[in-house]
Amino acid sequence: MNTPSHLHLRVFSADAIDKIHAAVLRLLRKQGVNVQDQSTRKQLIKSGCRESPDGLVLFDTDLINSVLEKVPGNVMFFDRNGQVALDTGGGDLKFAPGLNCVDVLDYKTDKVRPCLLKDVVETARVCDALPNIHMAANLGNPSDVTFEDQARAAVQALIENTRKPIMFIAHDDIEAAKIWGYLAEVAGGWEVLSAKPWGLDLTGPTSPLTIKPEACRRLVFAAHKQLPVVCYPCLFPGISGPMTLAGAIAQSSAEVLAGIVIHQTACPGAPVISGSAVVPMDMRTVTLAYGAPEYALVSLAAIDYLQAIGIPTWIGAGCSDAHRLDAQAISEATMNMTAAALSGTSFVHNLGYLSSGKIGSLELLVLCNELAAMAQQLRAGISVNTDTIALDTIIDRSKNGKFLTHPHTKKHVRNALWIPSLFQRFGRSRWQESGASTTAMRIKERLQEILH
């Protein structure tokens, strides 16, 4: 018998999940959510919700259970050739960059500067070239484009430079609808795009327990068009939610469920994704801490809970609080990429974030491409069957020790162990003879190869 298809580290026990879920349901039933779009409020009340004396929407538990039964078990994304690029329910890990940073770290000058449209173009080309990046994103917002045109210009730059699926964040529901319309035009119509979607909109509630009008309308629009959407807020423990991680997960999960009820009552069975909505802060400096171990831990725990109630998920990784591609950046990105490999989800995003998500780095993205390959190998676990146990091979060559020439070795030599493409395993003499390059130097060389 084979071992499980992939490793899975669970943070929450079944009892812990039950306690979190009970707290989530109580929050939604007793406290309620500030749903600020009147049309959405009417639809929720028509579906079985109630309105509290202070104007909050109270969510009926039976309605929530009914909605959870209709949420699709997985969401699939396609490239523009119509091939499956990413499946949230698949066993293999798939990766995507972060998006919407203010600045970029220019790999040619090592200077931090505002993101320009040409940086989005280069990001798309790098995403297209890296084999372990499966969905493209703009990584930074182009400052040389008017605010009103930023998101649309970034999306256009992406689709003109890669055929991989893309994700985006619009400034409001009107802009999101325009971007979706543009993608539908490129795809050849709304039905074509919804049948094999290659776009993903990111929206959701606002902590604490609020869903603003534009988020409501974006969720409803995506549901009606059968287009995938990420529904999650961004909760900062001790700032916009409880300081404790369990409390932060309970509140953010209630916010997620409220958004998903809005989405699914608009169109049951429409594709939706969620994940951890909790980003720790270093309370000494009030700085986001993407590199903190708690970011990885809470992400894993949120995956446990959301998957237990049947919601497709993604997880953040490949990011750091460092301002350069230094030892801190590499250590933090490796730590959270490893955690992502052990999560129960197959969709990993946020690759390429430096400076707590303020700076986008193509160098870190190239490094994460290598870390992604390592993570995939770790996630795969160890297959145990007659062939891999290799008992006959052991008996055949145990006396003379000549395993190197055995047919079993030849059969598995290219797939049993991971072979790096960026990292090196040369002896010191060969390394020196080949130029004694560092990983940072090889990353820059790889970017030069892609972009020039």
Protein backbone atom coordinates (compact mmCIF):
# COMPACT_ATOMS: atom_id res chain seq x y z
CA MET A 1 0.00 0.00 0.00
CA ASN A 2 1.22 3.51 -0.80
CA THR A 3 1.66 6.19 1.83
CA PRO A 4 -0.66 9.26 1.64
CA SER A 5 -0.21 11.37 -1.49
CA HIS A 6 1.35 14.25 0.42
CA LEU A 7 2.47 15.34 3.87
CA HIS A 8 -0.01 17.35 5.92
CA LEU A 9 0.74 19.09 9.21
CA ARG A 10 -2.41 19.80 11.21
CA VAL A 11 -2.34 22.52 13.86
CA PHE A 12 -5.92 22.16 15.09
CA SER A 13 -7.38 18.98 16.52
CA ALA A 14 -10.99 18.06 15.71
CA ASP A 15 -11.97 19.38 19.14
CA ALA A 16 -10.23 22.71 18.51
CA ILE A 17 -11.99 23.05 15.15
CA ASP A 18 -15.34 22.40 16.84
CA LYS A 19 -14.63 25.11 19.42
CA ILE A 20 -13.60 27.62 16.76
CA HIS A 21 -16.67 26.83 14.68
CA ALA A 22 -18.98 27.21 17.68
CA ALA A 23 -17.46 30.63 18.38
CA VAL A 24 -17.82 31.65 14.72
CA LEU A 25 -21.48 30.64 14.58
CA ARG A 26 -22.21 32.45 17.85
CA LEU A 27 -20.53 35.63 16.61
CA LEU A 28 -22.59 35.58 13.43
CA ARG A 29 -25.84 34.64 15.17
CA LYS A 30 -25.61 36.90 18.26
CA GLN A 31 -23.23 39.77 17.46
CA GLY A 32 -23.77 40.09 13.71
CA VAL A 33 -21.95 41.87 10.90
CA ASN A 34 -22.16 45.43 9.63
CA VAL A 35 -23.23 44.79 6.02
CA GLN A 36 -23.17 48.24 4.46
CA ASP A 37 -24.76 47.59 1.06
CA GLN A 38 -28.54 47.92 1.24
CA SER A 39 -29.27 45.60 -1.68
CA THR A 40 -27.12 42.90 -0.11
CA ARG A 41 -28.81 43.36 3.28
CA LYS A 42 -32.21 42.87 1.69
CA GLN A 43 -31.05 39.69 -0.02
CA LEU A 44 -29.62 38.33 3.23
CA ILE A 45 -32.80 39.05 5.18
CA LYS A 46 -34.84 37.48 2.40
CA SER A 47 -32.61 34.38 2.68
CA GLY A 48 -33.17 33.99 6.43
CA CYS A 49 -30.94 36.50 8.21
CA ARG A 50 -32.28 38.99 10.75
CA GLU A 51 -31.47 42.57 11.62
CA SER A 52 -30.39 43.45 15.17
CA PRO A 53 -31.73 46.54 16.99
CA ASP A 54 -28.46 48.36 16.24
CA GLY A 55 -28.63 47.56 12.52
CA LEU A 56 -26.24 44.62 12.25
CA VAL A 57 -27.10 41.56 10.17
CA LEU A 58 -27.53 38.39 12.24
CA PHE A 59 -26.77 35.19 10.35
CA ASP A 60 -28.97 32.16 10.92
CA THR A 61 -27.00 28.97 11.62
CA ASP A 62 -29.23 26.86 9.38
CA LEU A 63 -28.59 29.28 6.52
CA ILE A 64 -24.83 29.04 7.09
CA ASN A 65 -24.97 25.24 7.09
CA SER A 66 -27.04 25.29 3.91
CA VAL A 67 -24.54 27.63 2.24
CA LEU A 68 -21.57 25.48 3.24
CA GLU A 69 -23.20 22.48 1.56
CA LYS A 70 -23.25 24.40 -1.74
CA VAL A 71 -19.69 25.79 -1.77
CA PRO A 72 -17.68 23.94 -4.45
CA GLY A 73 -15.01 21.62 -3.09
CA ASN A 74 -12.26 23.06 -5.27
CA VAL A 75 -11.57 25.88 -7.71
CA MET A 76 -9.66 25.35 -10.95
CA PHE A 77 -7.74 27.91 -12.99
CA PHE A 78 -6.64 27.57 -16.59
CA ASP A 79 -4.00 29.16 -18.73
CA ARG A 80 -5.07 30.94 -21.89
CA ASN A 81 -4.38 27.78 -23.89
CA GLY A 82 -7.20 26.11 -21.96
CA GLN A 83 -4.94 23.85 -19.90
CA VAL A 84 -5.35 23.40 -16.14
CA ALA A 85 -2.78 25.59 -14.41
CA LEU A 86 -3.90 25.38 -10.78
CA ASP A 87 -6.39 23.32 -8.80
CA THR A 88 -7.00 24.23 -5.17
CA GLY A 89 -8.02 20.64 -4.50
CA GLY A 90 -5.03 19.06 -6.25
CA GLY A 91 -2.18 17.30 -4.51
CA ASP A 92 0.62 19.28 -6.15
CA LEU A 93 1.60 22.68 -4.78
CA LYS A 94 1.05 25.66 -7.08
CA PHE A 95 2.50 29.12 -6.52
CA ALA A 96 1.76 32.78 -7.24
CA PRO A 97 3.42 36.12 -6.40
CA GLY A 98 2.02 38.78 -4.14
CA LEU A 99 0.57 41.96 -5.56
CA ASN A 100 -0.01 45.68 -5.01
CA CYS A 101 3.29 46.64 -3.33
CA VAL A 102 4.02 50.35 -3.31
CA ASP A 103 7.72 50.06 -4.19
CA VAL A 104 10.04 47.62 -5.92
CA LEU A 105 13.63 46.61 -5.26
CA ASP A 106 15.36 47.25 -8.58
CA TYR A 107 17.56 44.21 -9.16
CA LYS A 108 19.83 46.18 -11.51
CA THR A 109 20.60 49.08 -9.14
CA ASP A 110 19.78 47.51 -5.74
CA LYS A 111 17.75 50.65 -5.03
CA VAL A 112 14.20 50.81 -3.71
CA ARG A 113 11.96 53.01 -5.88
CA PRO A 114 8.28 53.42 -6.78
CA CYS A 115 6.85 50.67 -8.98
CA LEU A 116 6.45 51.58 -12.65
CA LEU A 117 4.39 49.97 -15.39
CA LYS A 118 7.56 48.53 -16.91
CA ASP A 119 8.11 46.66 -13.63
CA VAL A 120 4.71 45.00 -14.02
CA VAL A 121 5.71 43.99 -17.56
CA GLU A 122 8.96 42.51 -16.24
CA THR A 123 7.14 40.73 -13.42
CA ALA A 124 4.78 39.13 -15.94
CA ARG A 125 7.72 37.97 -18.07
CA VAL A 126 9.49 36.54 -15.03
CA CYS A 127 6.32 34.73 -13.91
CA ASP A 128 5.94 33.34 -17.42
CA ALA A 129 9.52 32.02 -17.46
CA LEU A 130 9.70 30.48 -13.98
CA PRO A 131 8.43 26.88 -14.06
CA ASN A 132 7.26 26.82 -10.43
CA ILE A 133 5.18 30.00 -10.68
CA HIS A 134 1.72 28.99 -11.87
CA MET A 135 -0.27 32.22 -11.62
CA ALA A 136 0.95 35.75 -12.36
CA ALA A 137 0.32 38.95 -10.41
CA ASN A 138 1.59 42.50 -10.67
CA LEU A 139 3.66 42.46 -7.42
CA GLY A 140 3.56 46.29 -7.45
CA ASN A 141 1.14 49.07 -8.41
CA PRO A 142 2.44 51.21 -11.31
CA SER A 143 2.93 54.75 -9.98
CA ASP A 144 3.36 56.22 -13.48
CA VAL A 145 -0.29 55.46 -14.27
CA THR A 146 -3.20 57.47 -12.88
CA PHE A 147 -4.81 56.03 -9.78
CA GLU A 148 -8.03 55.34 -11.66
CA ASP A 149 -6.19 53.34 -14.35
CA GLN A 150 -3.63 51.49 -12.19
CA ALA A 151 -5.40 48.16 -11.78
CA ARG A 152 -6.60 47.95 -15.40
CA ALA A 153 -3.14 48.91 -16.73
CA ALA A 154 -1.48 46.31 -14.51
CA VAL A 155 -3.89 43.59 -15.68
CA GLN A 156 -3.33 44.50 -19.32
CA ALA A 157 0.45 44.38 -18.84
CA LEU A 158 0.11 40.93 -17.28
CA ILE A 159 -2.02 39.36 -19.99
CA GLU A 160 0.16 40.82 -22.74
CA ASN A 161 3.26 39.17 -21.28
CA THR A 162 2.12 35.80 -19.96
CA ARG A 163 -0.47 33.18 -20.79
CA LYS A 164 -0.60 31.97 -17.21
CA PRO A 165 -3.70 32.86 -15.14
CA ILE A 166 -3.59 36.18 -13.31
CA MET A 167 -4.97 37.71 -10.14
CA PHE A 168 -5.81 41.33 -9.38
CA ILE A 169 -7.14 43.76 -6.79
CA ALA A 170 -9.39 46.53 -8.07
CA HIS A 171 -9.91 49.80 -6.19
CA ASP A 172 -13.69 49.34 -6.13
CA ASP A 173 -16.54 47.28 -7.56
CA ILE A 174 -16.88 49.46 -10.68
CA GLU A 175 -13.24 48.95 -11.59
CA ALA A 176 -13.47 45.23 -10.81
CA ALA A 177 -16.42 44.87 -13.19
CA LYS A 178 -14.49 46.71 -15.92
CA ILE A 179 -11.47 44.44 -15.45
CA TRP A 180 -13.63 41.34 -15.60
CA GLY A 181 -15.27 42.73 -18.74
CA TYR A 182 -11.84 43.26 -20.29
CA LEU A 183 -10.81 39.68 -19.44
CA ALA A 184 -14.07 38.36 -20.89
CA GLU A 185 -13.39 40.29 -24.09
CA VAL A 186 -9.89 38.79 -24.35
CA ALA A 187 -11.25 35.32 -23.60
CA GLY A 188 -13.98 35.54 -26.22
CA GLY A 189 -17.01 36.06 -24.00
CA TRP A 190 -18.32 35.66 -20.45
CA GLU A 191 -19.25 32.01 -20.91
CA VAL A 192 -15.80 31.15 -22.21
CA LEU A 193 -14.15 32.89 -19.27
CA SER A 194 -16.40 31.30 -16.63
CA ALA A 195 -16.02 27.83 -18.17
CA LYS A 196 -12.22 28.00 -17.94
CA PRO A 197 -11.39 30.98 -15.72
CA TRP A 198 -7.91 32.47 -15.80
CA GLY A 199 -8.56 35.50 -13.57
CA LEU A 200 -9.00 35.91 -9.82
CA ASP A 201 -10.32 38.96 -7.95
CA LEU A 202 -9.29 39.58 -4.32
CA THR A 203 -11.85 41.21 -2.04
CA GLY A 204 -13.60 40.64 1.25
CA PRO A 205 -14.75 41.97 4.62
CA THR A 206 -13.06 44.63 6.73
CA SER A 207 -12.12 43.83 10.31
CA PRO A 208 -13.79 44.04 12.69
CA LEU A 209 -16.99 42.40 11.39
CA THR A 210 -17.77 44.82 8.57
CA ILE A 211 -18.46 44.28 4.87
CA LYS A 212 -18.32 47.50 2.90
CA PRO A 213 -20.56 48.21 -0.11
CA GLU A 214 -17.87 47.66 -2.77
CA ALA A 215 -16.91 44.28 -1.28
CA CYS A 216 -20.55 43.18 -1.23
CA ARG A 217 -21.01 44.15 -4.85
CA ARG A 218 -17.77 42.51 -6.00
CA LEU A 219 -18.73 39.25 -4.30
CA VAL A 220 -22.20 39.32 -5.87
CA PHE A 221 -20.87 40.25 -9.32
CA ALA A 222 -18.33 37.41 -9.35
CA ALA A 223 -20.96 34.95 -8.15
CA HIS A 224 -23.45 35.93 -10.85
CA LYS A 225 -20.76 35.60 -13.52
CA GLN A 226 -19.47 32.29 -12.08
CA LEU A 227 -15.99 33.77 -11.80
CA PRO A 228 -13.58 32.90 -8.95
CA VAL A 229 -13.05 35.34 -6.11
CA VAL A 230 -10.99 35.35 -2.92
CA CYS A 231 -13.10 36.33 0.10
CA TYR A 232 -11.08 37.27 3.14
CA PRO A 233 -10.30 40.32 5.28
CA CYS A 234 -6.97 41.34 6.78
CA LEU A 235 -6.99 41.20 10.57
CA PHE A 236 -4.15 42.54 12.71
CA PRO A 237 -4.10 40.88 16.16
CA GLY A 238 -4.38 43.45 18.92
CA ILE A 239 -5.34 46.18 16.42
CA SER A 240 -8.45 45.08 14.50
CA GLY A 241 -9.08 41.83 16.38
CA PRO A 242 -8.08 39.86 19.47
CA MET A 243 -4.39 39.60 20.36
CA THR A 244 -4.58 35.82 20.75
CA LEU A 245 -4.26 33.76 17.59
CA ALA A 246 -7.28 31.57 18.34
CA GLY A 247 -9.42 34.66 18.88
CA ALA A 248 -8.09 36.27 15.71
CA ILE A 249 -8.89 33.13 13.71
CA ALA A 250 -12.41 32.99 15.19
CA GLN A 251 -13.17 36.62 14.29
CA SER A 252 -11.63 36.51 10.82
CA SER A 253 -13.39 33.23 10.08
CA ALA A 254 -16.73 34.79 11.05
CA GLU A 255 -15.98 37.63 8.65
CA VAL A 256 -15.06 35.13 5.92
CA LEU A 257 -18.26 33.13 6.45
CA ALA A 258 -20.39 36.27 6.30
CA GLY A 259 -18.82 37.14 2.95
CA ILE A 260 -19.28 33.62 1.64
CA VAL A 261 -22.95 33.64 2.63
CA ILE A 262 -23.36 36.86 0.61
CA HIS A 263 -21.54 35.24 -2.31
CA GLN A 264 -23.42 31.94 -2.24
CA THR A 265 -26.90 33.39 -1.71
CA ALA A 266 -26.27 35.42 -4.87
CA CYS A 267 -25.45 32.25 -6.80
CA PRO A 268 -25.13 28.90 -5.02
CA GLY A 269 -22.12 26.85 -6.09
CA ALA A 270 -20.14 29.78 -7.53
CA PRO A 271 -16.34 29.41 -7.10
CA VAL A 272 -14.83 31.03 -4.01
CA ILE A 273 -11.55 30.75 -2.09
CA SER A 274 -10.45 31.86 1.35
CA GLY A 275 -7.53 31.44 3.73
CA SER A 276 -5.85 33.01 6.72
CA ALA A 277 -6.91 36.60 7.20
CA VAL A 278 -4.54 37.17 10.12
CA VAL A 279 -1.26 39.09 9.73
CA PRO A 280 0.68 39.47 13.01
CA MET A 281 2.21 42.81 13.96
CA ASP A 282 5.31 43.53 15.97
CA MET A 283 3.66 45.59 18.69
CA ARG A 284 6.94 47.34 19.52
CA THR A 285 6.96 49.06 16.14
CA VAL A 286 3.39 48.39 14.89
CA THR A 287 4.90 46.79 11.79
CA LEU A 288 3.40 43.89 9.85
CA ALA A 289 5.31 40.68 10.45
CA TYR A 290 5.00 38.43 7.41
CA GLY A 291 8.25 36.77 8.46
CA ALA A 292 6.99 35.90 11.94
CA PRO A 293 6.51 32.22 12.80
CA GLU A 294 2.98 33.14 13.88
CA TYR A 295 2.13 34.15 10.31
CA ALA A 296 2.92 30.62 9.15
CA LEU A 297 1.27 29.05 12.19
CA VAL A 298 -1.99 30.96 11.93
CA SER A 299 -2.10 30.29 8.18
CA LEU A 300 -1.84 26.55 8.79
CA ALA A 301 -4.49 26.68 11.51
CA ALA A 302 -6.90 28.67 9.34
CA ILE A 303 -6.47 26.09 6.57
CA ASP A 304 -7.39 23.35 9.07
CA TYR A 305 -10.60 25.15 10.01
CA LEU A 306 -11.71 26.30 6.57
CA GLN A 307 -11.09 22.93 4.96
CA ALA A 308 -12.99 21.22 7.78
CA ILE A 309 -16.08 23.26 6.91
CA GLY A 310 -15.60 22.73 3.16
CA ILE A 311 -14.16 26.00 1.84
CA PRO A 312 -11.41 25.94 -0.84
CA THR A 313 -8.24 27.57 0.46
CA TRP A 314 -4.92 29.23 -0.26
CA ILE A 315 -1.98 30.13 1.97
CA GLY A 316 0.54 32.98 2.08
CA ALA A 317 4.30 32.29 1.94
CA GLY A 318 7.51 33.31 0.20
CA CYS A 319 7.54 36.68 1.96
CA SER A 320 9.74 38.52 4.43
CA ASP A 321 9.98 41.62 6.59
CA ALA A 322 13.57 42.26 5.46
CA HIS A 323 14.25 45.16 3.09
CA ARG A 324 16.85 43.36 0.97
CA LEU A 325 17.43 39.81 -0.21
CA ASP A 326 19.62 39.08 2.80
CA ALA A 327 19.92 36.28 5.35
CA GLN A 328 16.72 37.39 7.10
CA ALA A 329 14.74 37.37 3.84
CA ILE A 330 16.00 33.94 2.85
CA SER A 331 15.40 32.51 6.34
CA GLU A 332 11.87 33.87 6.65
CA ALA A 333 10.82 32.93 3.12
CA THR A 334 12.21 29.41 3.56
CA MET A 335 10.39 29.00 6.86
CA ASN A 336 6.98 30.04 5.59
CA MET A 337 7.42 28.18 2.27
CA THR A 338 8.15 25.02 4.25
CA ALA A 339 5.05 25.58 6.35
CA ALA A 340 3.02 26.08 3.17
CA ALA A 341 4.30 22.76 1.86
CA LEU A 342 2.86 21.06 4.93
CA SER A 343 -0.52 22.80 4.80
CA GLY A 344 -3.56 21.05 3.45
CA THR A 345 -3.97 23.46 0.55
CA SER A 346 -2.37 23.41 -2.90
CA PHE A 347 -2.42 27.17 -3.62
CA VAL A 348 0.40 29.35 -2.25
CA HIS A 349 0.52 33.12 -2.82
CA ASN A 350 2.49 36.23 -1.66
CA LEU A 351 5.81 35.14 -3.16
CA GLY A 352 8.18 38.08 -3.63
CA TYR A 353 7.13 40.33 -0.73
CA LEU A 354 9.86 42.23 1.12
CA SER A 355 9.55 44.96 3.77
CA SER A 356 6.33 43.55 5.26
CA GLY A 357 4.56 43.58 1.90
CA LYS A 358 5.58 47.11 0.92
CA ILE A 359 8.35 46.17 -1.54
CA GLY A 360 8.10 43.73 -4.44
CA SER A 361 11.28 41.88 -5.35
CA LEU A 362 11.91 39.92 -8.54
CA GLU A 363 15.05 38.55 -6.91
CA LEU A 364 13.04 37.07 -4.06
CA LEU A 365 10.55 35.72 -6.61
CA VAL A 366 13.36 33.87 -8.43
CA LEU A 367 14.61 32.51 -5.11
CA CYS A 368 11.07 31.41 -4.23
CA ASN A 369 10.86 29.53 -7.52
CA GLU A 370 13.70 27.36 -6.22
CA LEU A 371 12.16 27.12 -2.76
CA ALA A 372 8.88 26.10 -4.42
CA ALA A 373 10.59 23.15 -6.07
CA MET A 374 12.00 22.10 -2.72
CA ALA A 375 8.59 22.52 -1.11
CA GLN A 376 6.97 20.35 -3.76
CA GLN A 377 9.49 17.60 -3.09
CA LEU A 378 8.88 17.82 0.66
CA ARG A 379 5.10 17.86 0.19
CA ALA A 380 5.22 14.70 -1.95
CA GLY A 381 6.38 12.62 1.00
CA ILE A 382 7.81 9.13 0.49
CA SER A 383 6.02 6.57 -1.65
CA VAL A 384 6.09 3.09 -0.12
CA ASN A 385 5.45 0.11 -2.39
CA THR A 386 7.22 -2.99 -3.63
CA ASP A 387 9.24 -1.08 -6.19
CA THR A 388 10.38 1.70 -3.85
CA ILE A 389 11.24 -0.64 -0.96
CA ALA A 390 13.51 -2.36 -3.49
CA LEU A 391 13.93 -5.58 -1.52
CA ASP A 392 15.06 -7.56 -4.58
CA THR A 393 17.65 -4.89 -5.37
CA ILE A 394 19.01 -5.00 -1.83
CA ILE A 395 19.30 -8.80 -1.92
CA ASP A 396 20.85 -8.77 -5.41
CA ARG A 397 23.60 -6.23 -4.67
CA SER A 398 24.15 -6.51 -0.93
CA LYS A 399 27.16 -8.80 -1.41
CA ASN A 400 29.13 -6.79 -3.97
CA GLY A 401 27.71 -3.32 -3.19
CA LYS A 402 27.38 -2.38 -6.87
CA PHE A 403 24.09 -0.52 -6.62
CA LEU A 404 25.22 2.21 -9.00
CA THR A 405 24.93 -0.02 -12.07
CA HIS A 406 21.74 -1.79 -11.07
CA PRO A 407 18.69 -1.27 -13.36
CA HIS A 408 16.68 -0.09 -10.34
CA THR A 409 19.13 2.77 -9.81
CA LYS A 410 18.97 3.75 -13.47
CA LYS A 411 15.18 3.69 -13.30
CA HIS A 412 14.99 6.09 -10.34
CA VAL A 413 18.15 8.17 -10.56
CA ARG A 414 16.35 11.14 -12.15
CA ASN A 415 13.29 11.19 -9.92
CA ALA A 416 14.19 9.84 -6.48
CA LEU A 417 16.07 12.96 -5.39
CA TRP A 418 15.43 16.64 -6.10
CA ILE A 419 17.94 18.35 -8.39
CA PRO A 420 18.38 22.13 -7.85
CA SER A 421 18.46 24.59 -10.73
CA LEU A 422 19.66 27.66 -8.79
CA PHE A 423 21.49 26.27 -5.77
CA GLN A 424 24.84 24.55 -6.29
CA ARG A 425 26.34 21.33 -4.98
CA PHE A 426 29.81 21.47 -6.51
CA GLY A 427 32.97 20.73 -4.61
CA ARG A 428 34.86 23.84 -3.51
CA SER A 429 37.50 23.55 -6.24
CA ARG A 430 34.94 23.29 -9.03
CA TRP A 431 32.92 26.13 -7.51
CA GLN A 432 35.99 28.37 -7.50
CA GLU A 433 36.92 27.37 -11.05
CA SER A 434 33.41 28.22 -12.27
CA GLY A 435 33.63 31.76 -10.86
CA ALA A 436 32.75 31.29 -7.15
CA SER A 437 29.30 32.77 -7.70
CA THR A 438 26.93 33.36 -4.81
CA THR A 439 23.22 32.59 -4.87
CA ALA A 440 22.51 36.33 -5.12
CA MET A 441 24.76 36.58 -8.16
CA ARG A 442 23.06 33.62 -9.85
CA ILE A 443 19.64 35.15 -9.18
CA LYS A 444 20.66 38.33 -10.99
CA GLU A 445 22.06 36.24 -13.84
CA ARG A 446 18.74 34.39 -14.11
CA LEU A 447 16.84 37.65 -14.28
CA GLN A 448 19.20 38.91 -16.98
CA GLU A 449 18.54 35.74 -18.99
CA ILE A 450 14.78 36.19 -18.75
CA LEU A 451 14.53 39.93 -19.33
CA HIS A 452 17.30 40.63 -21.85
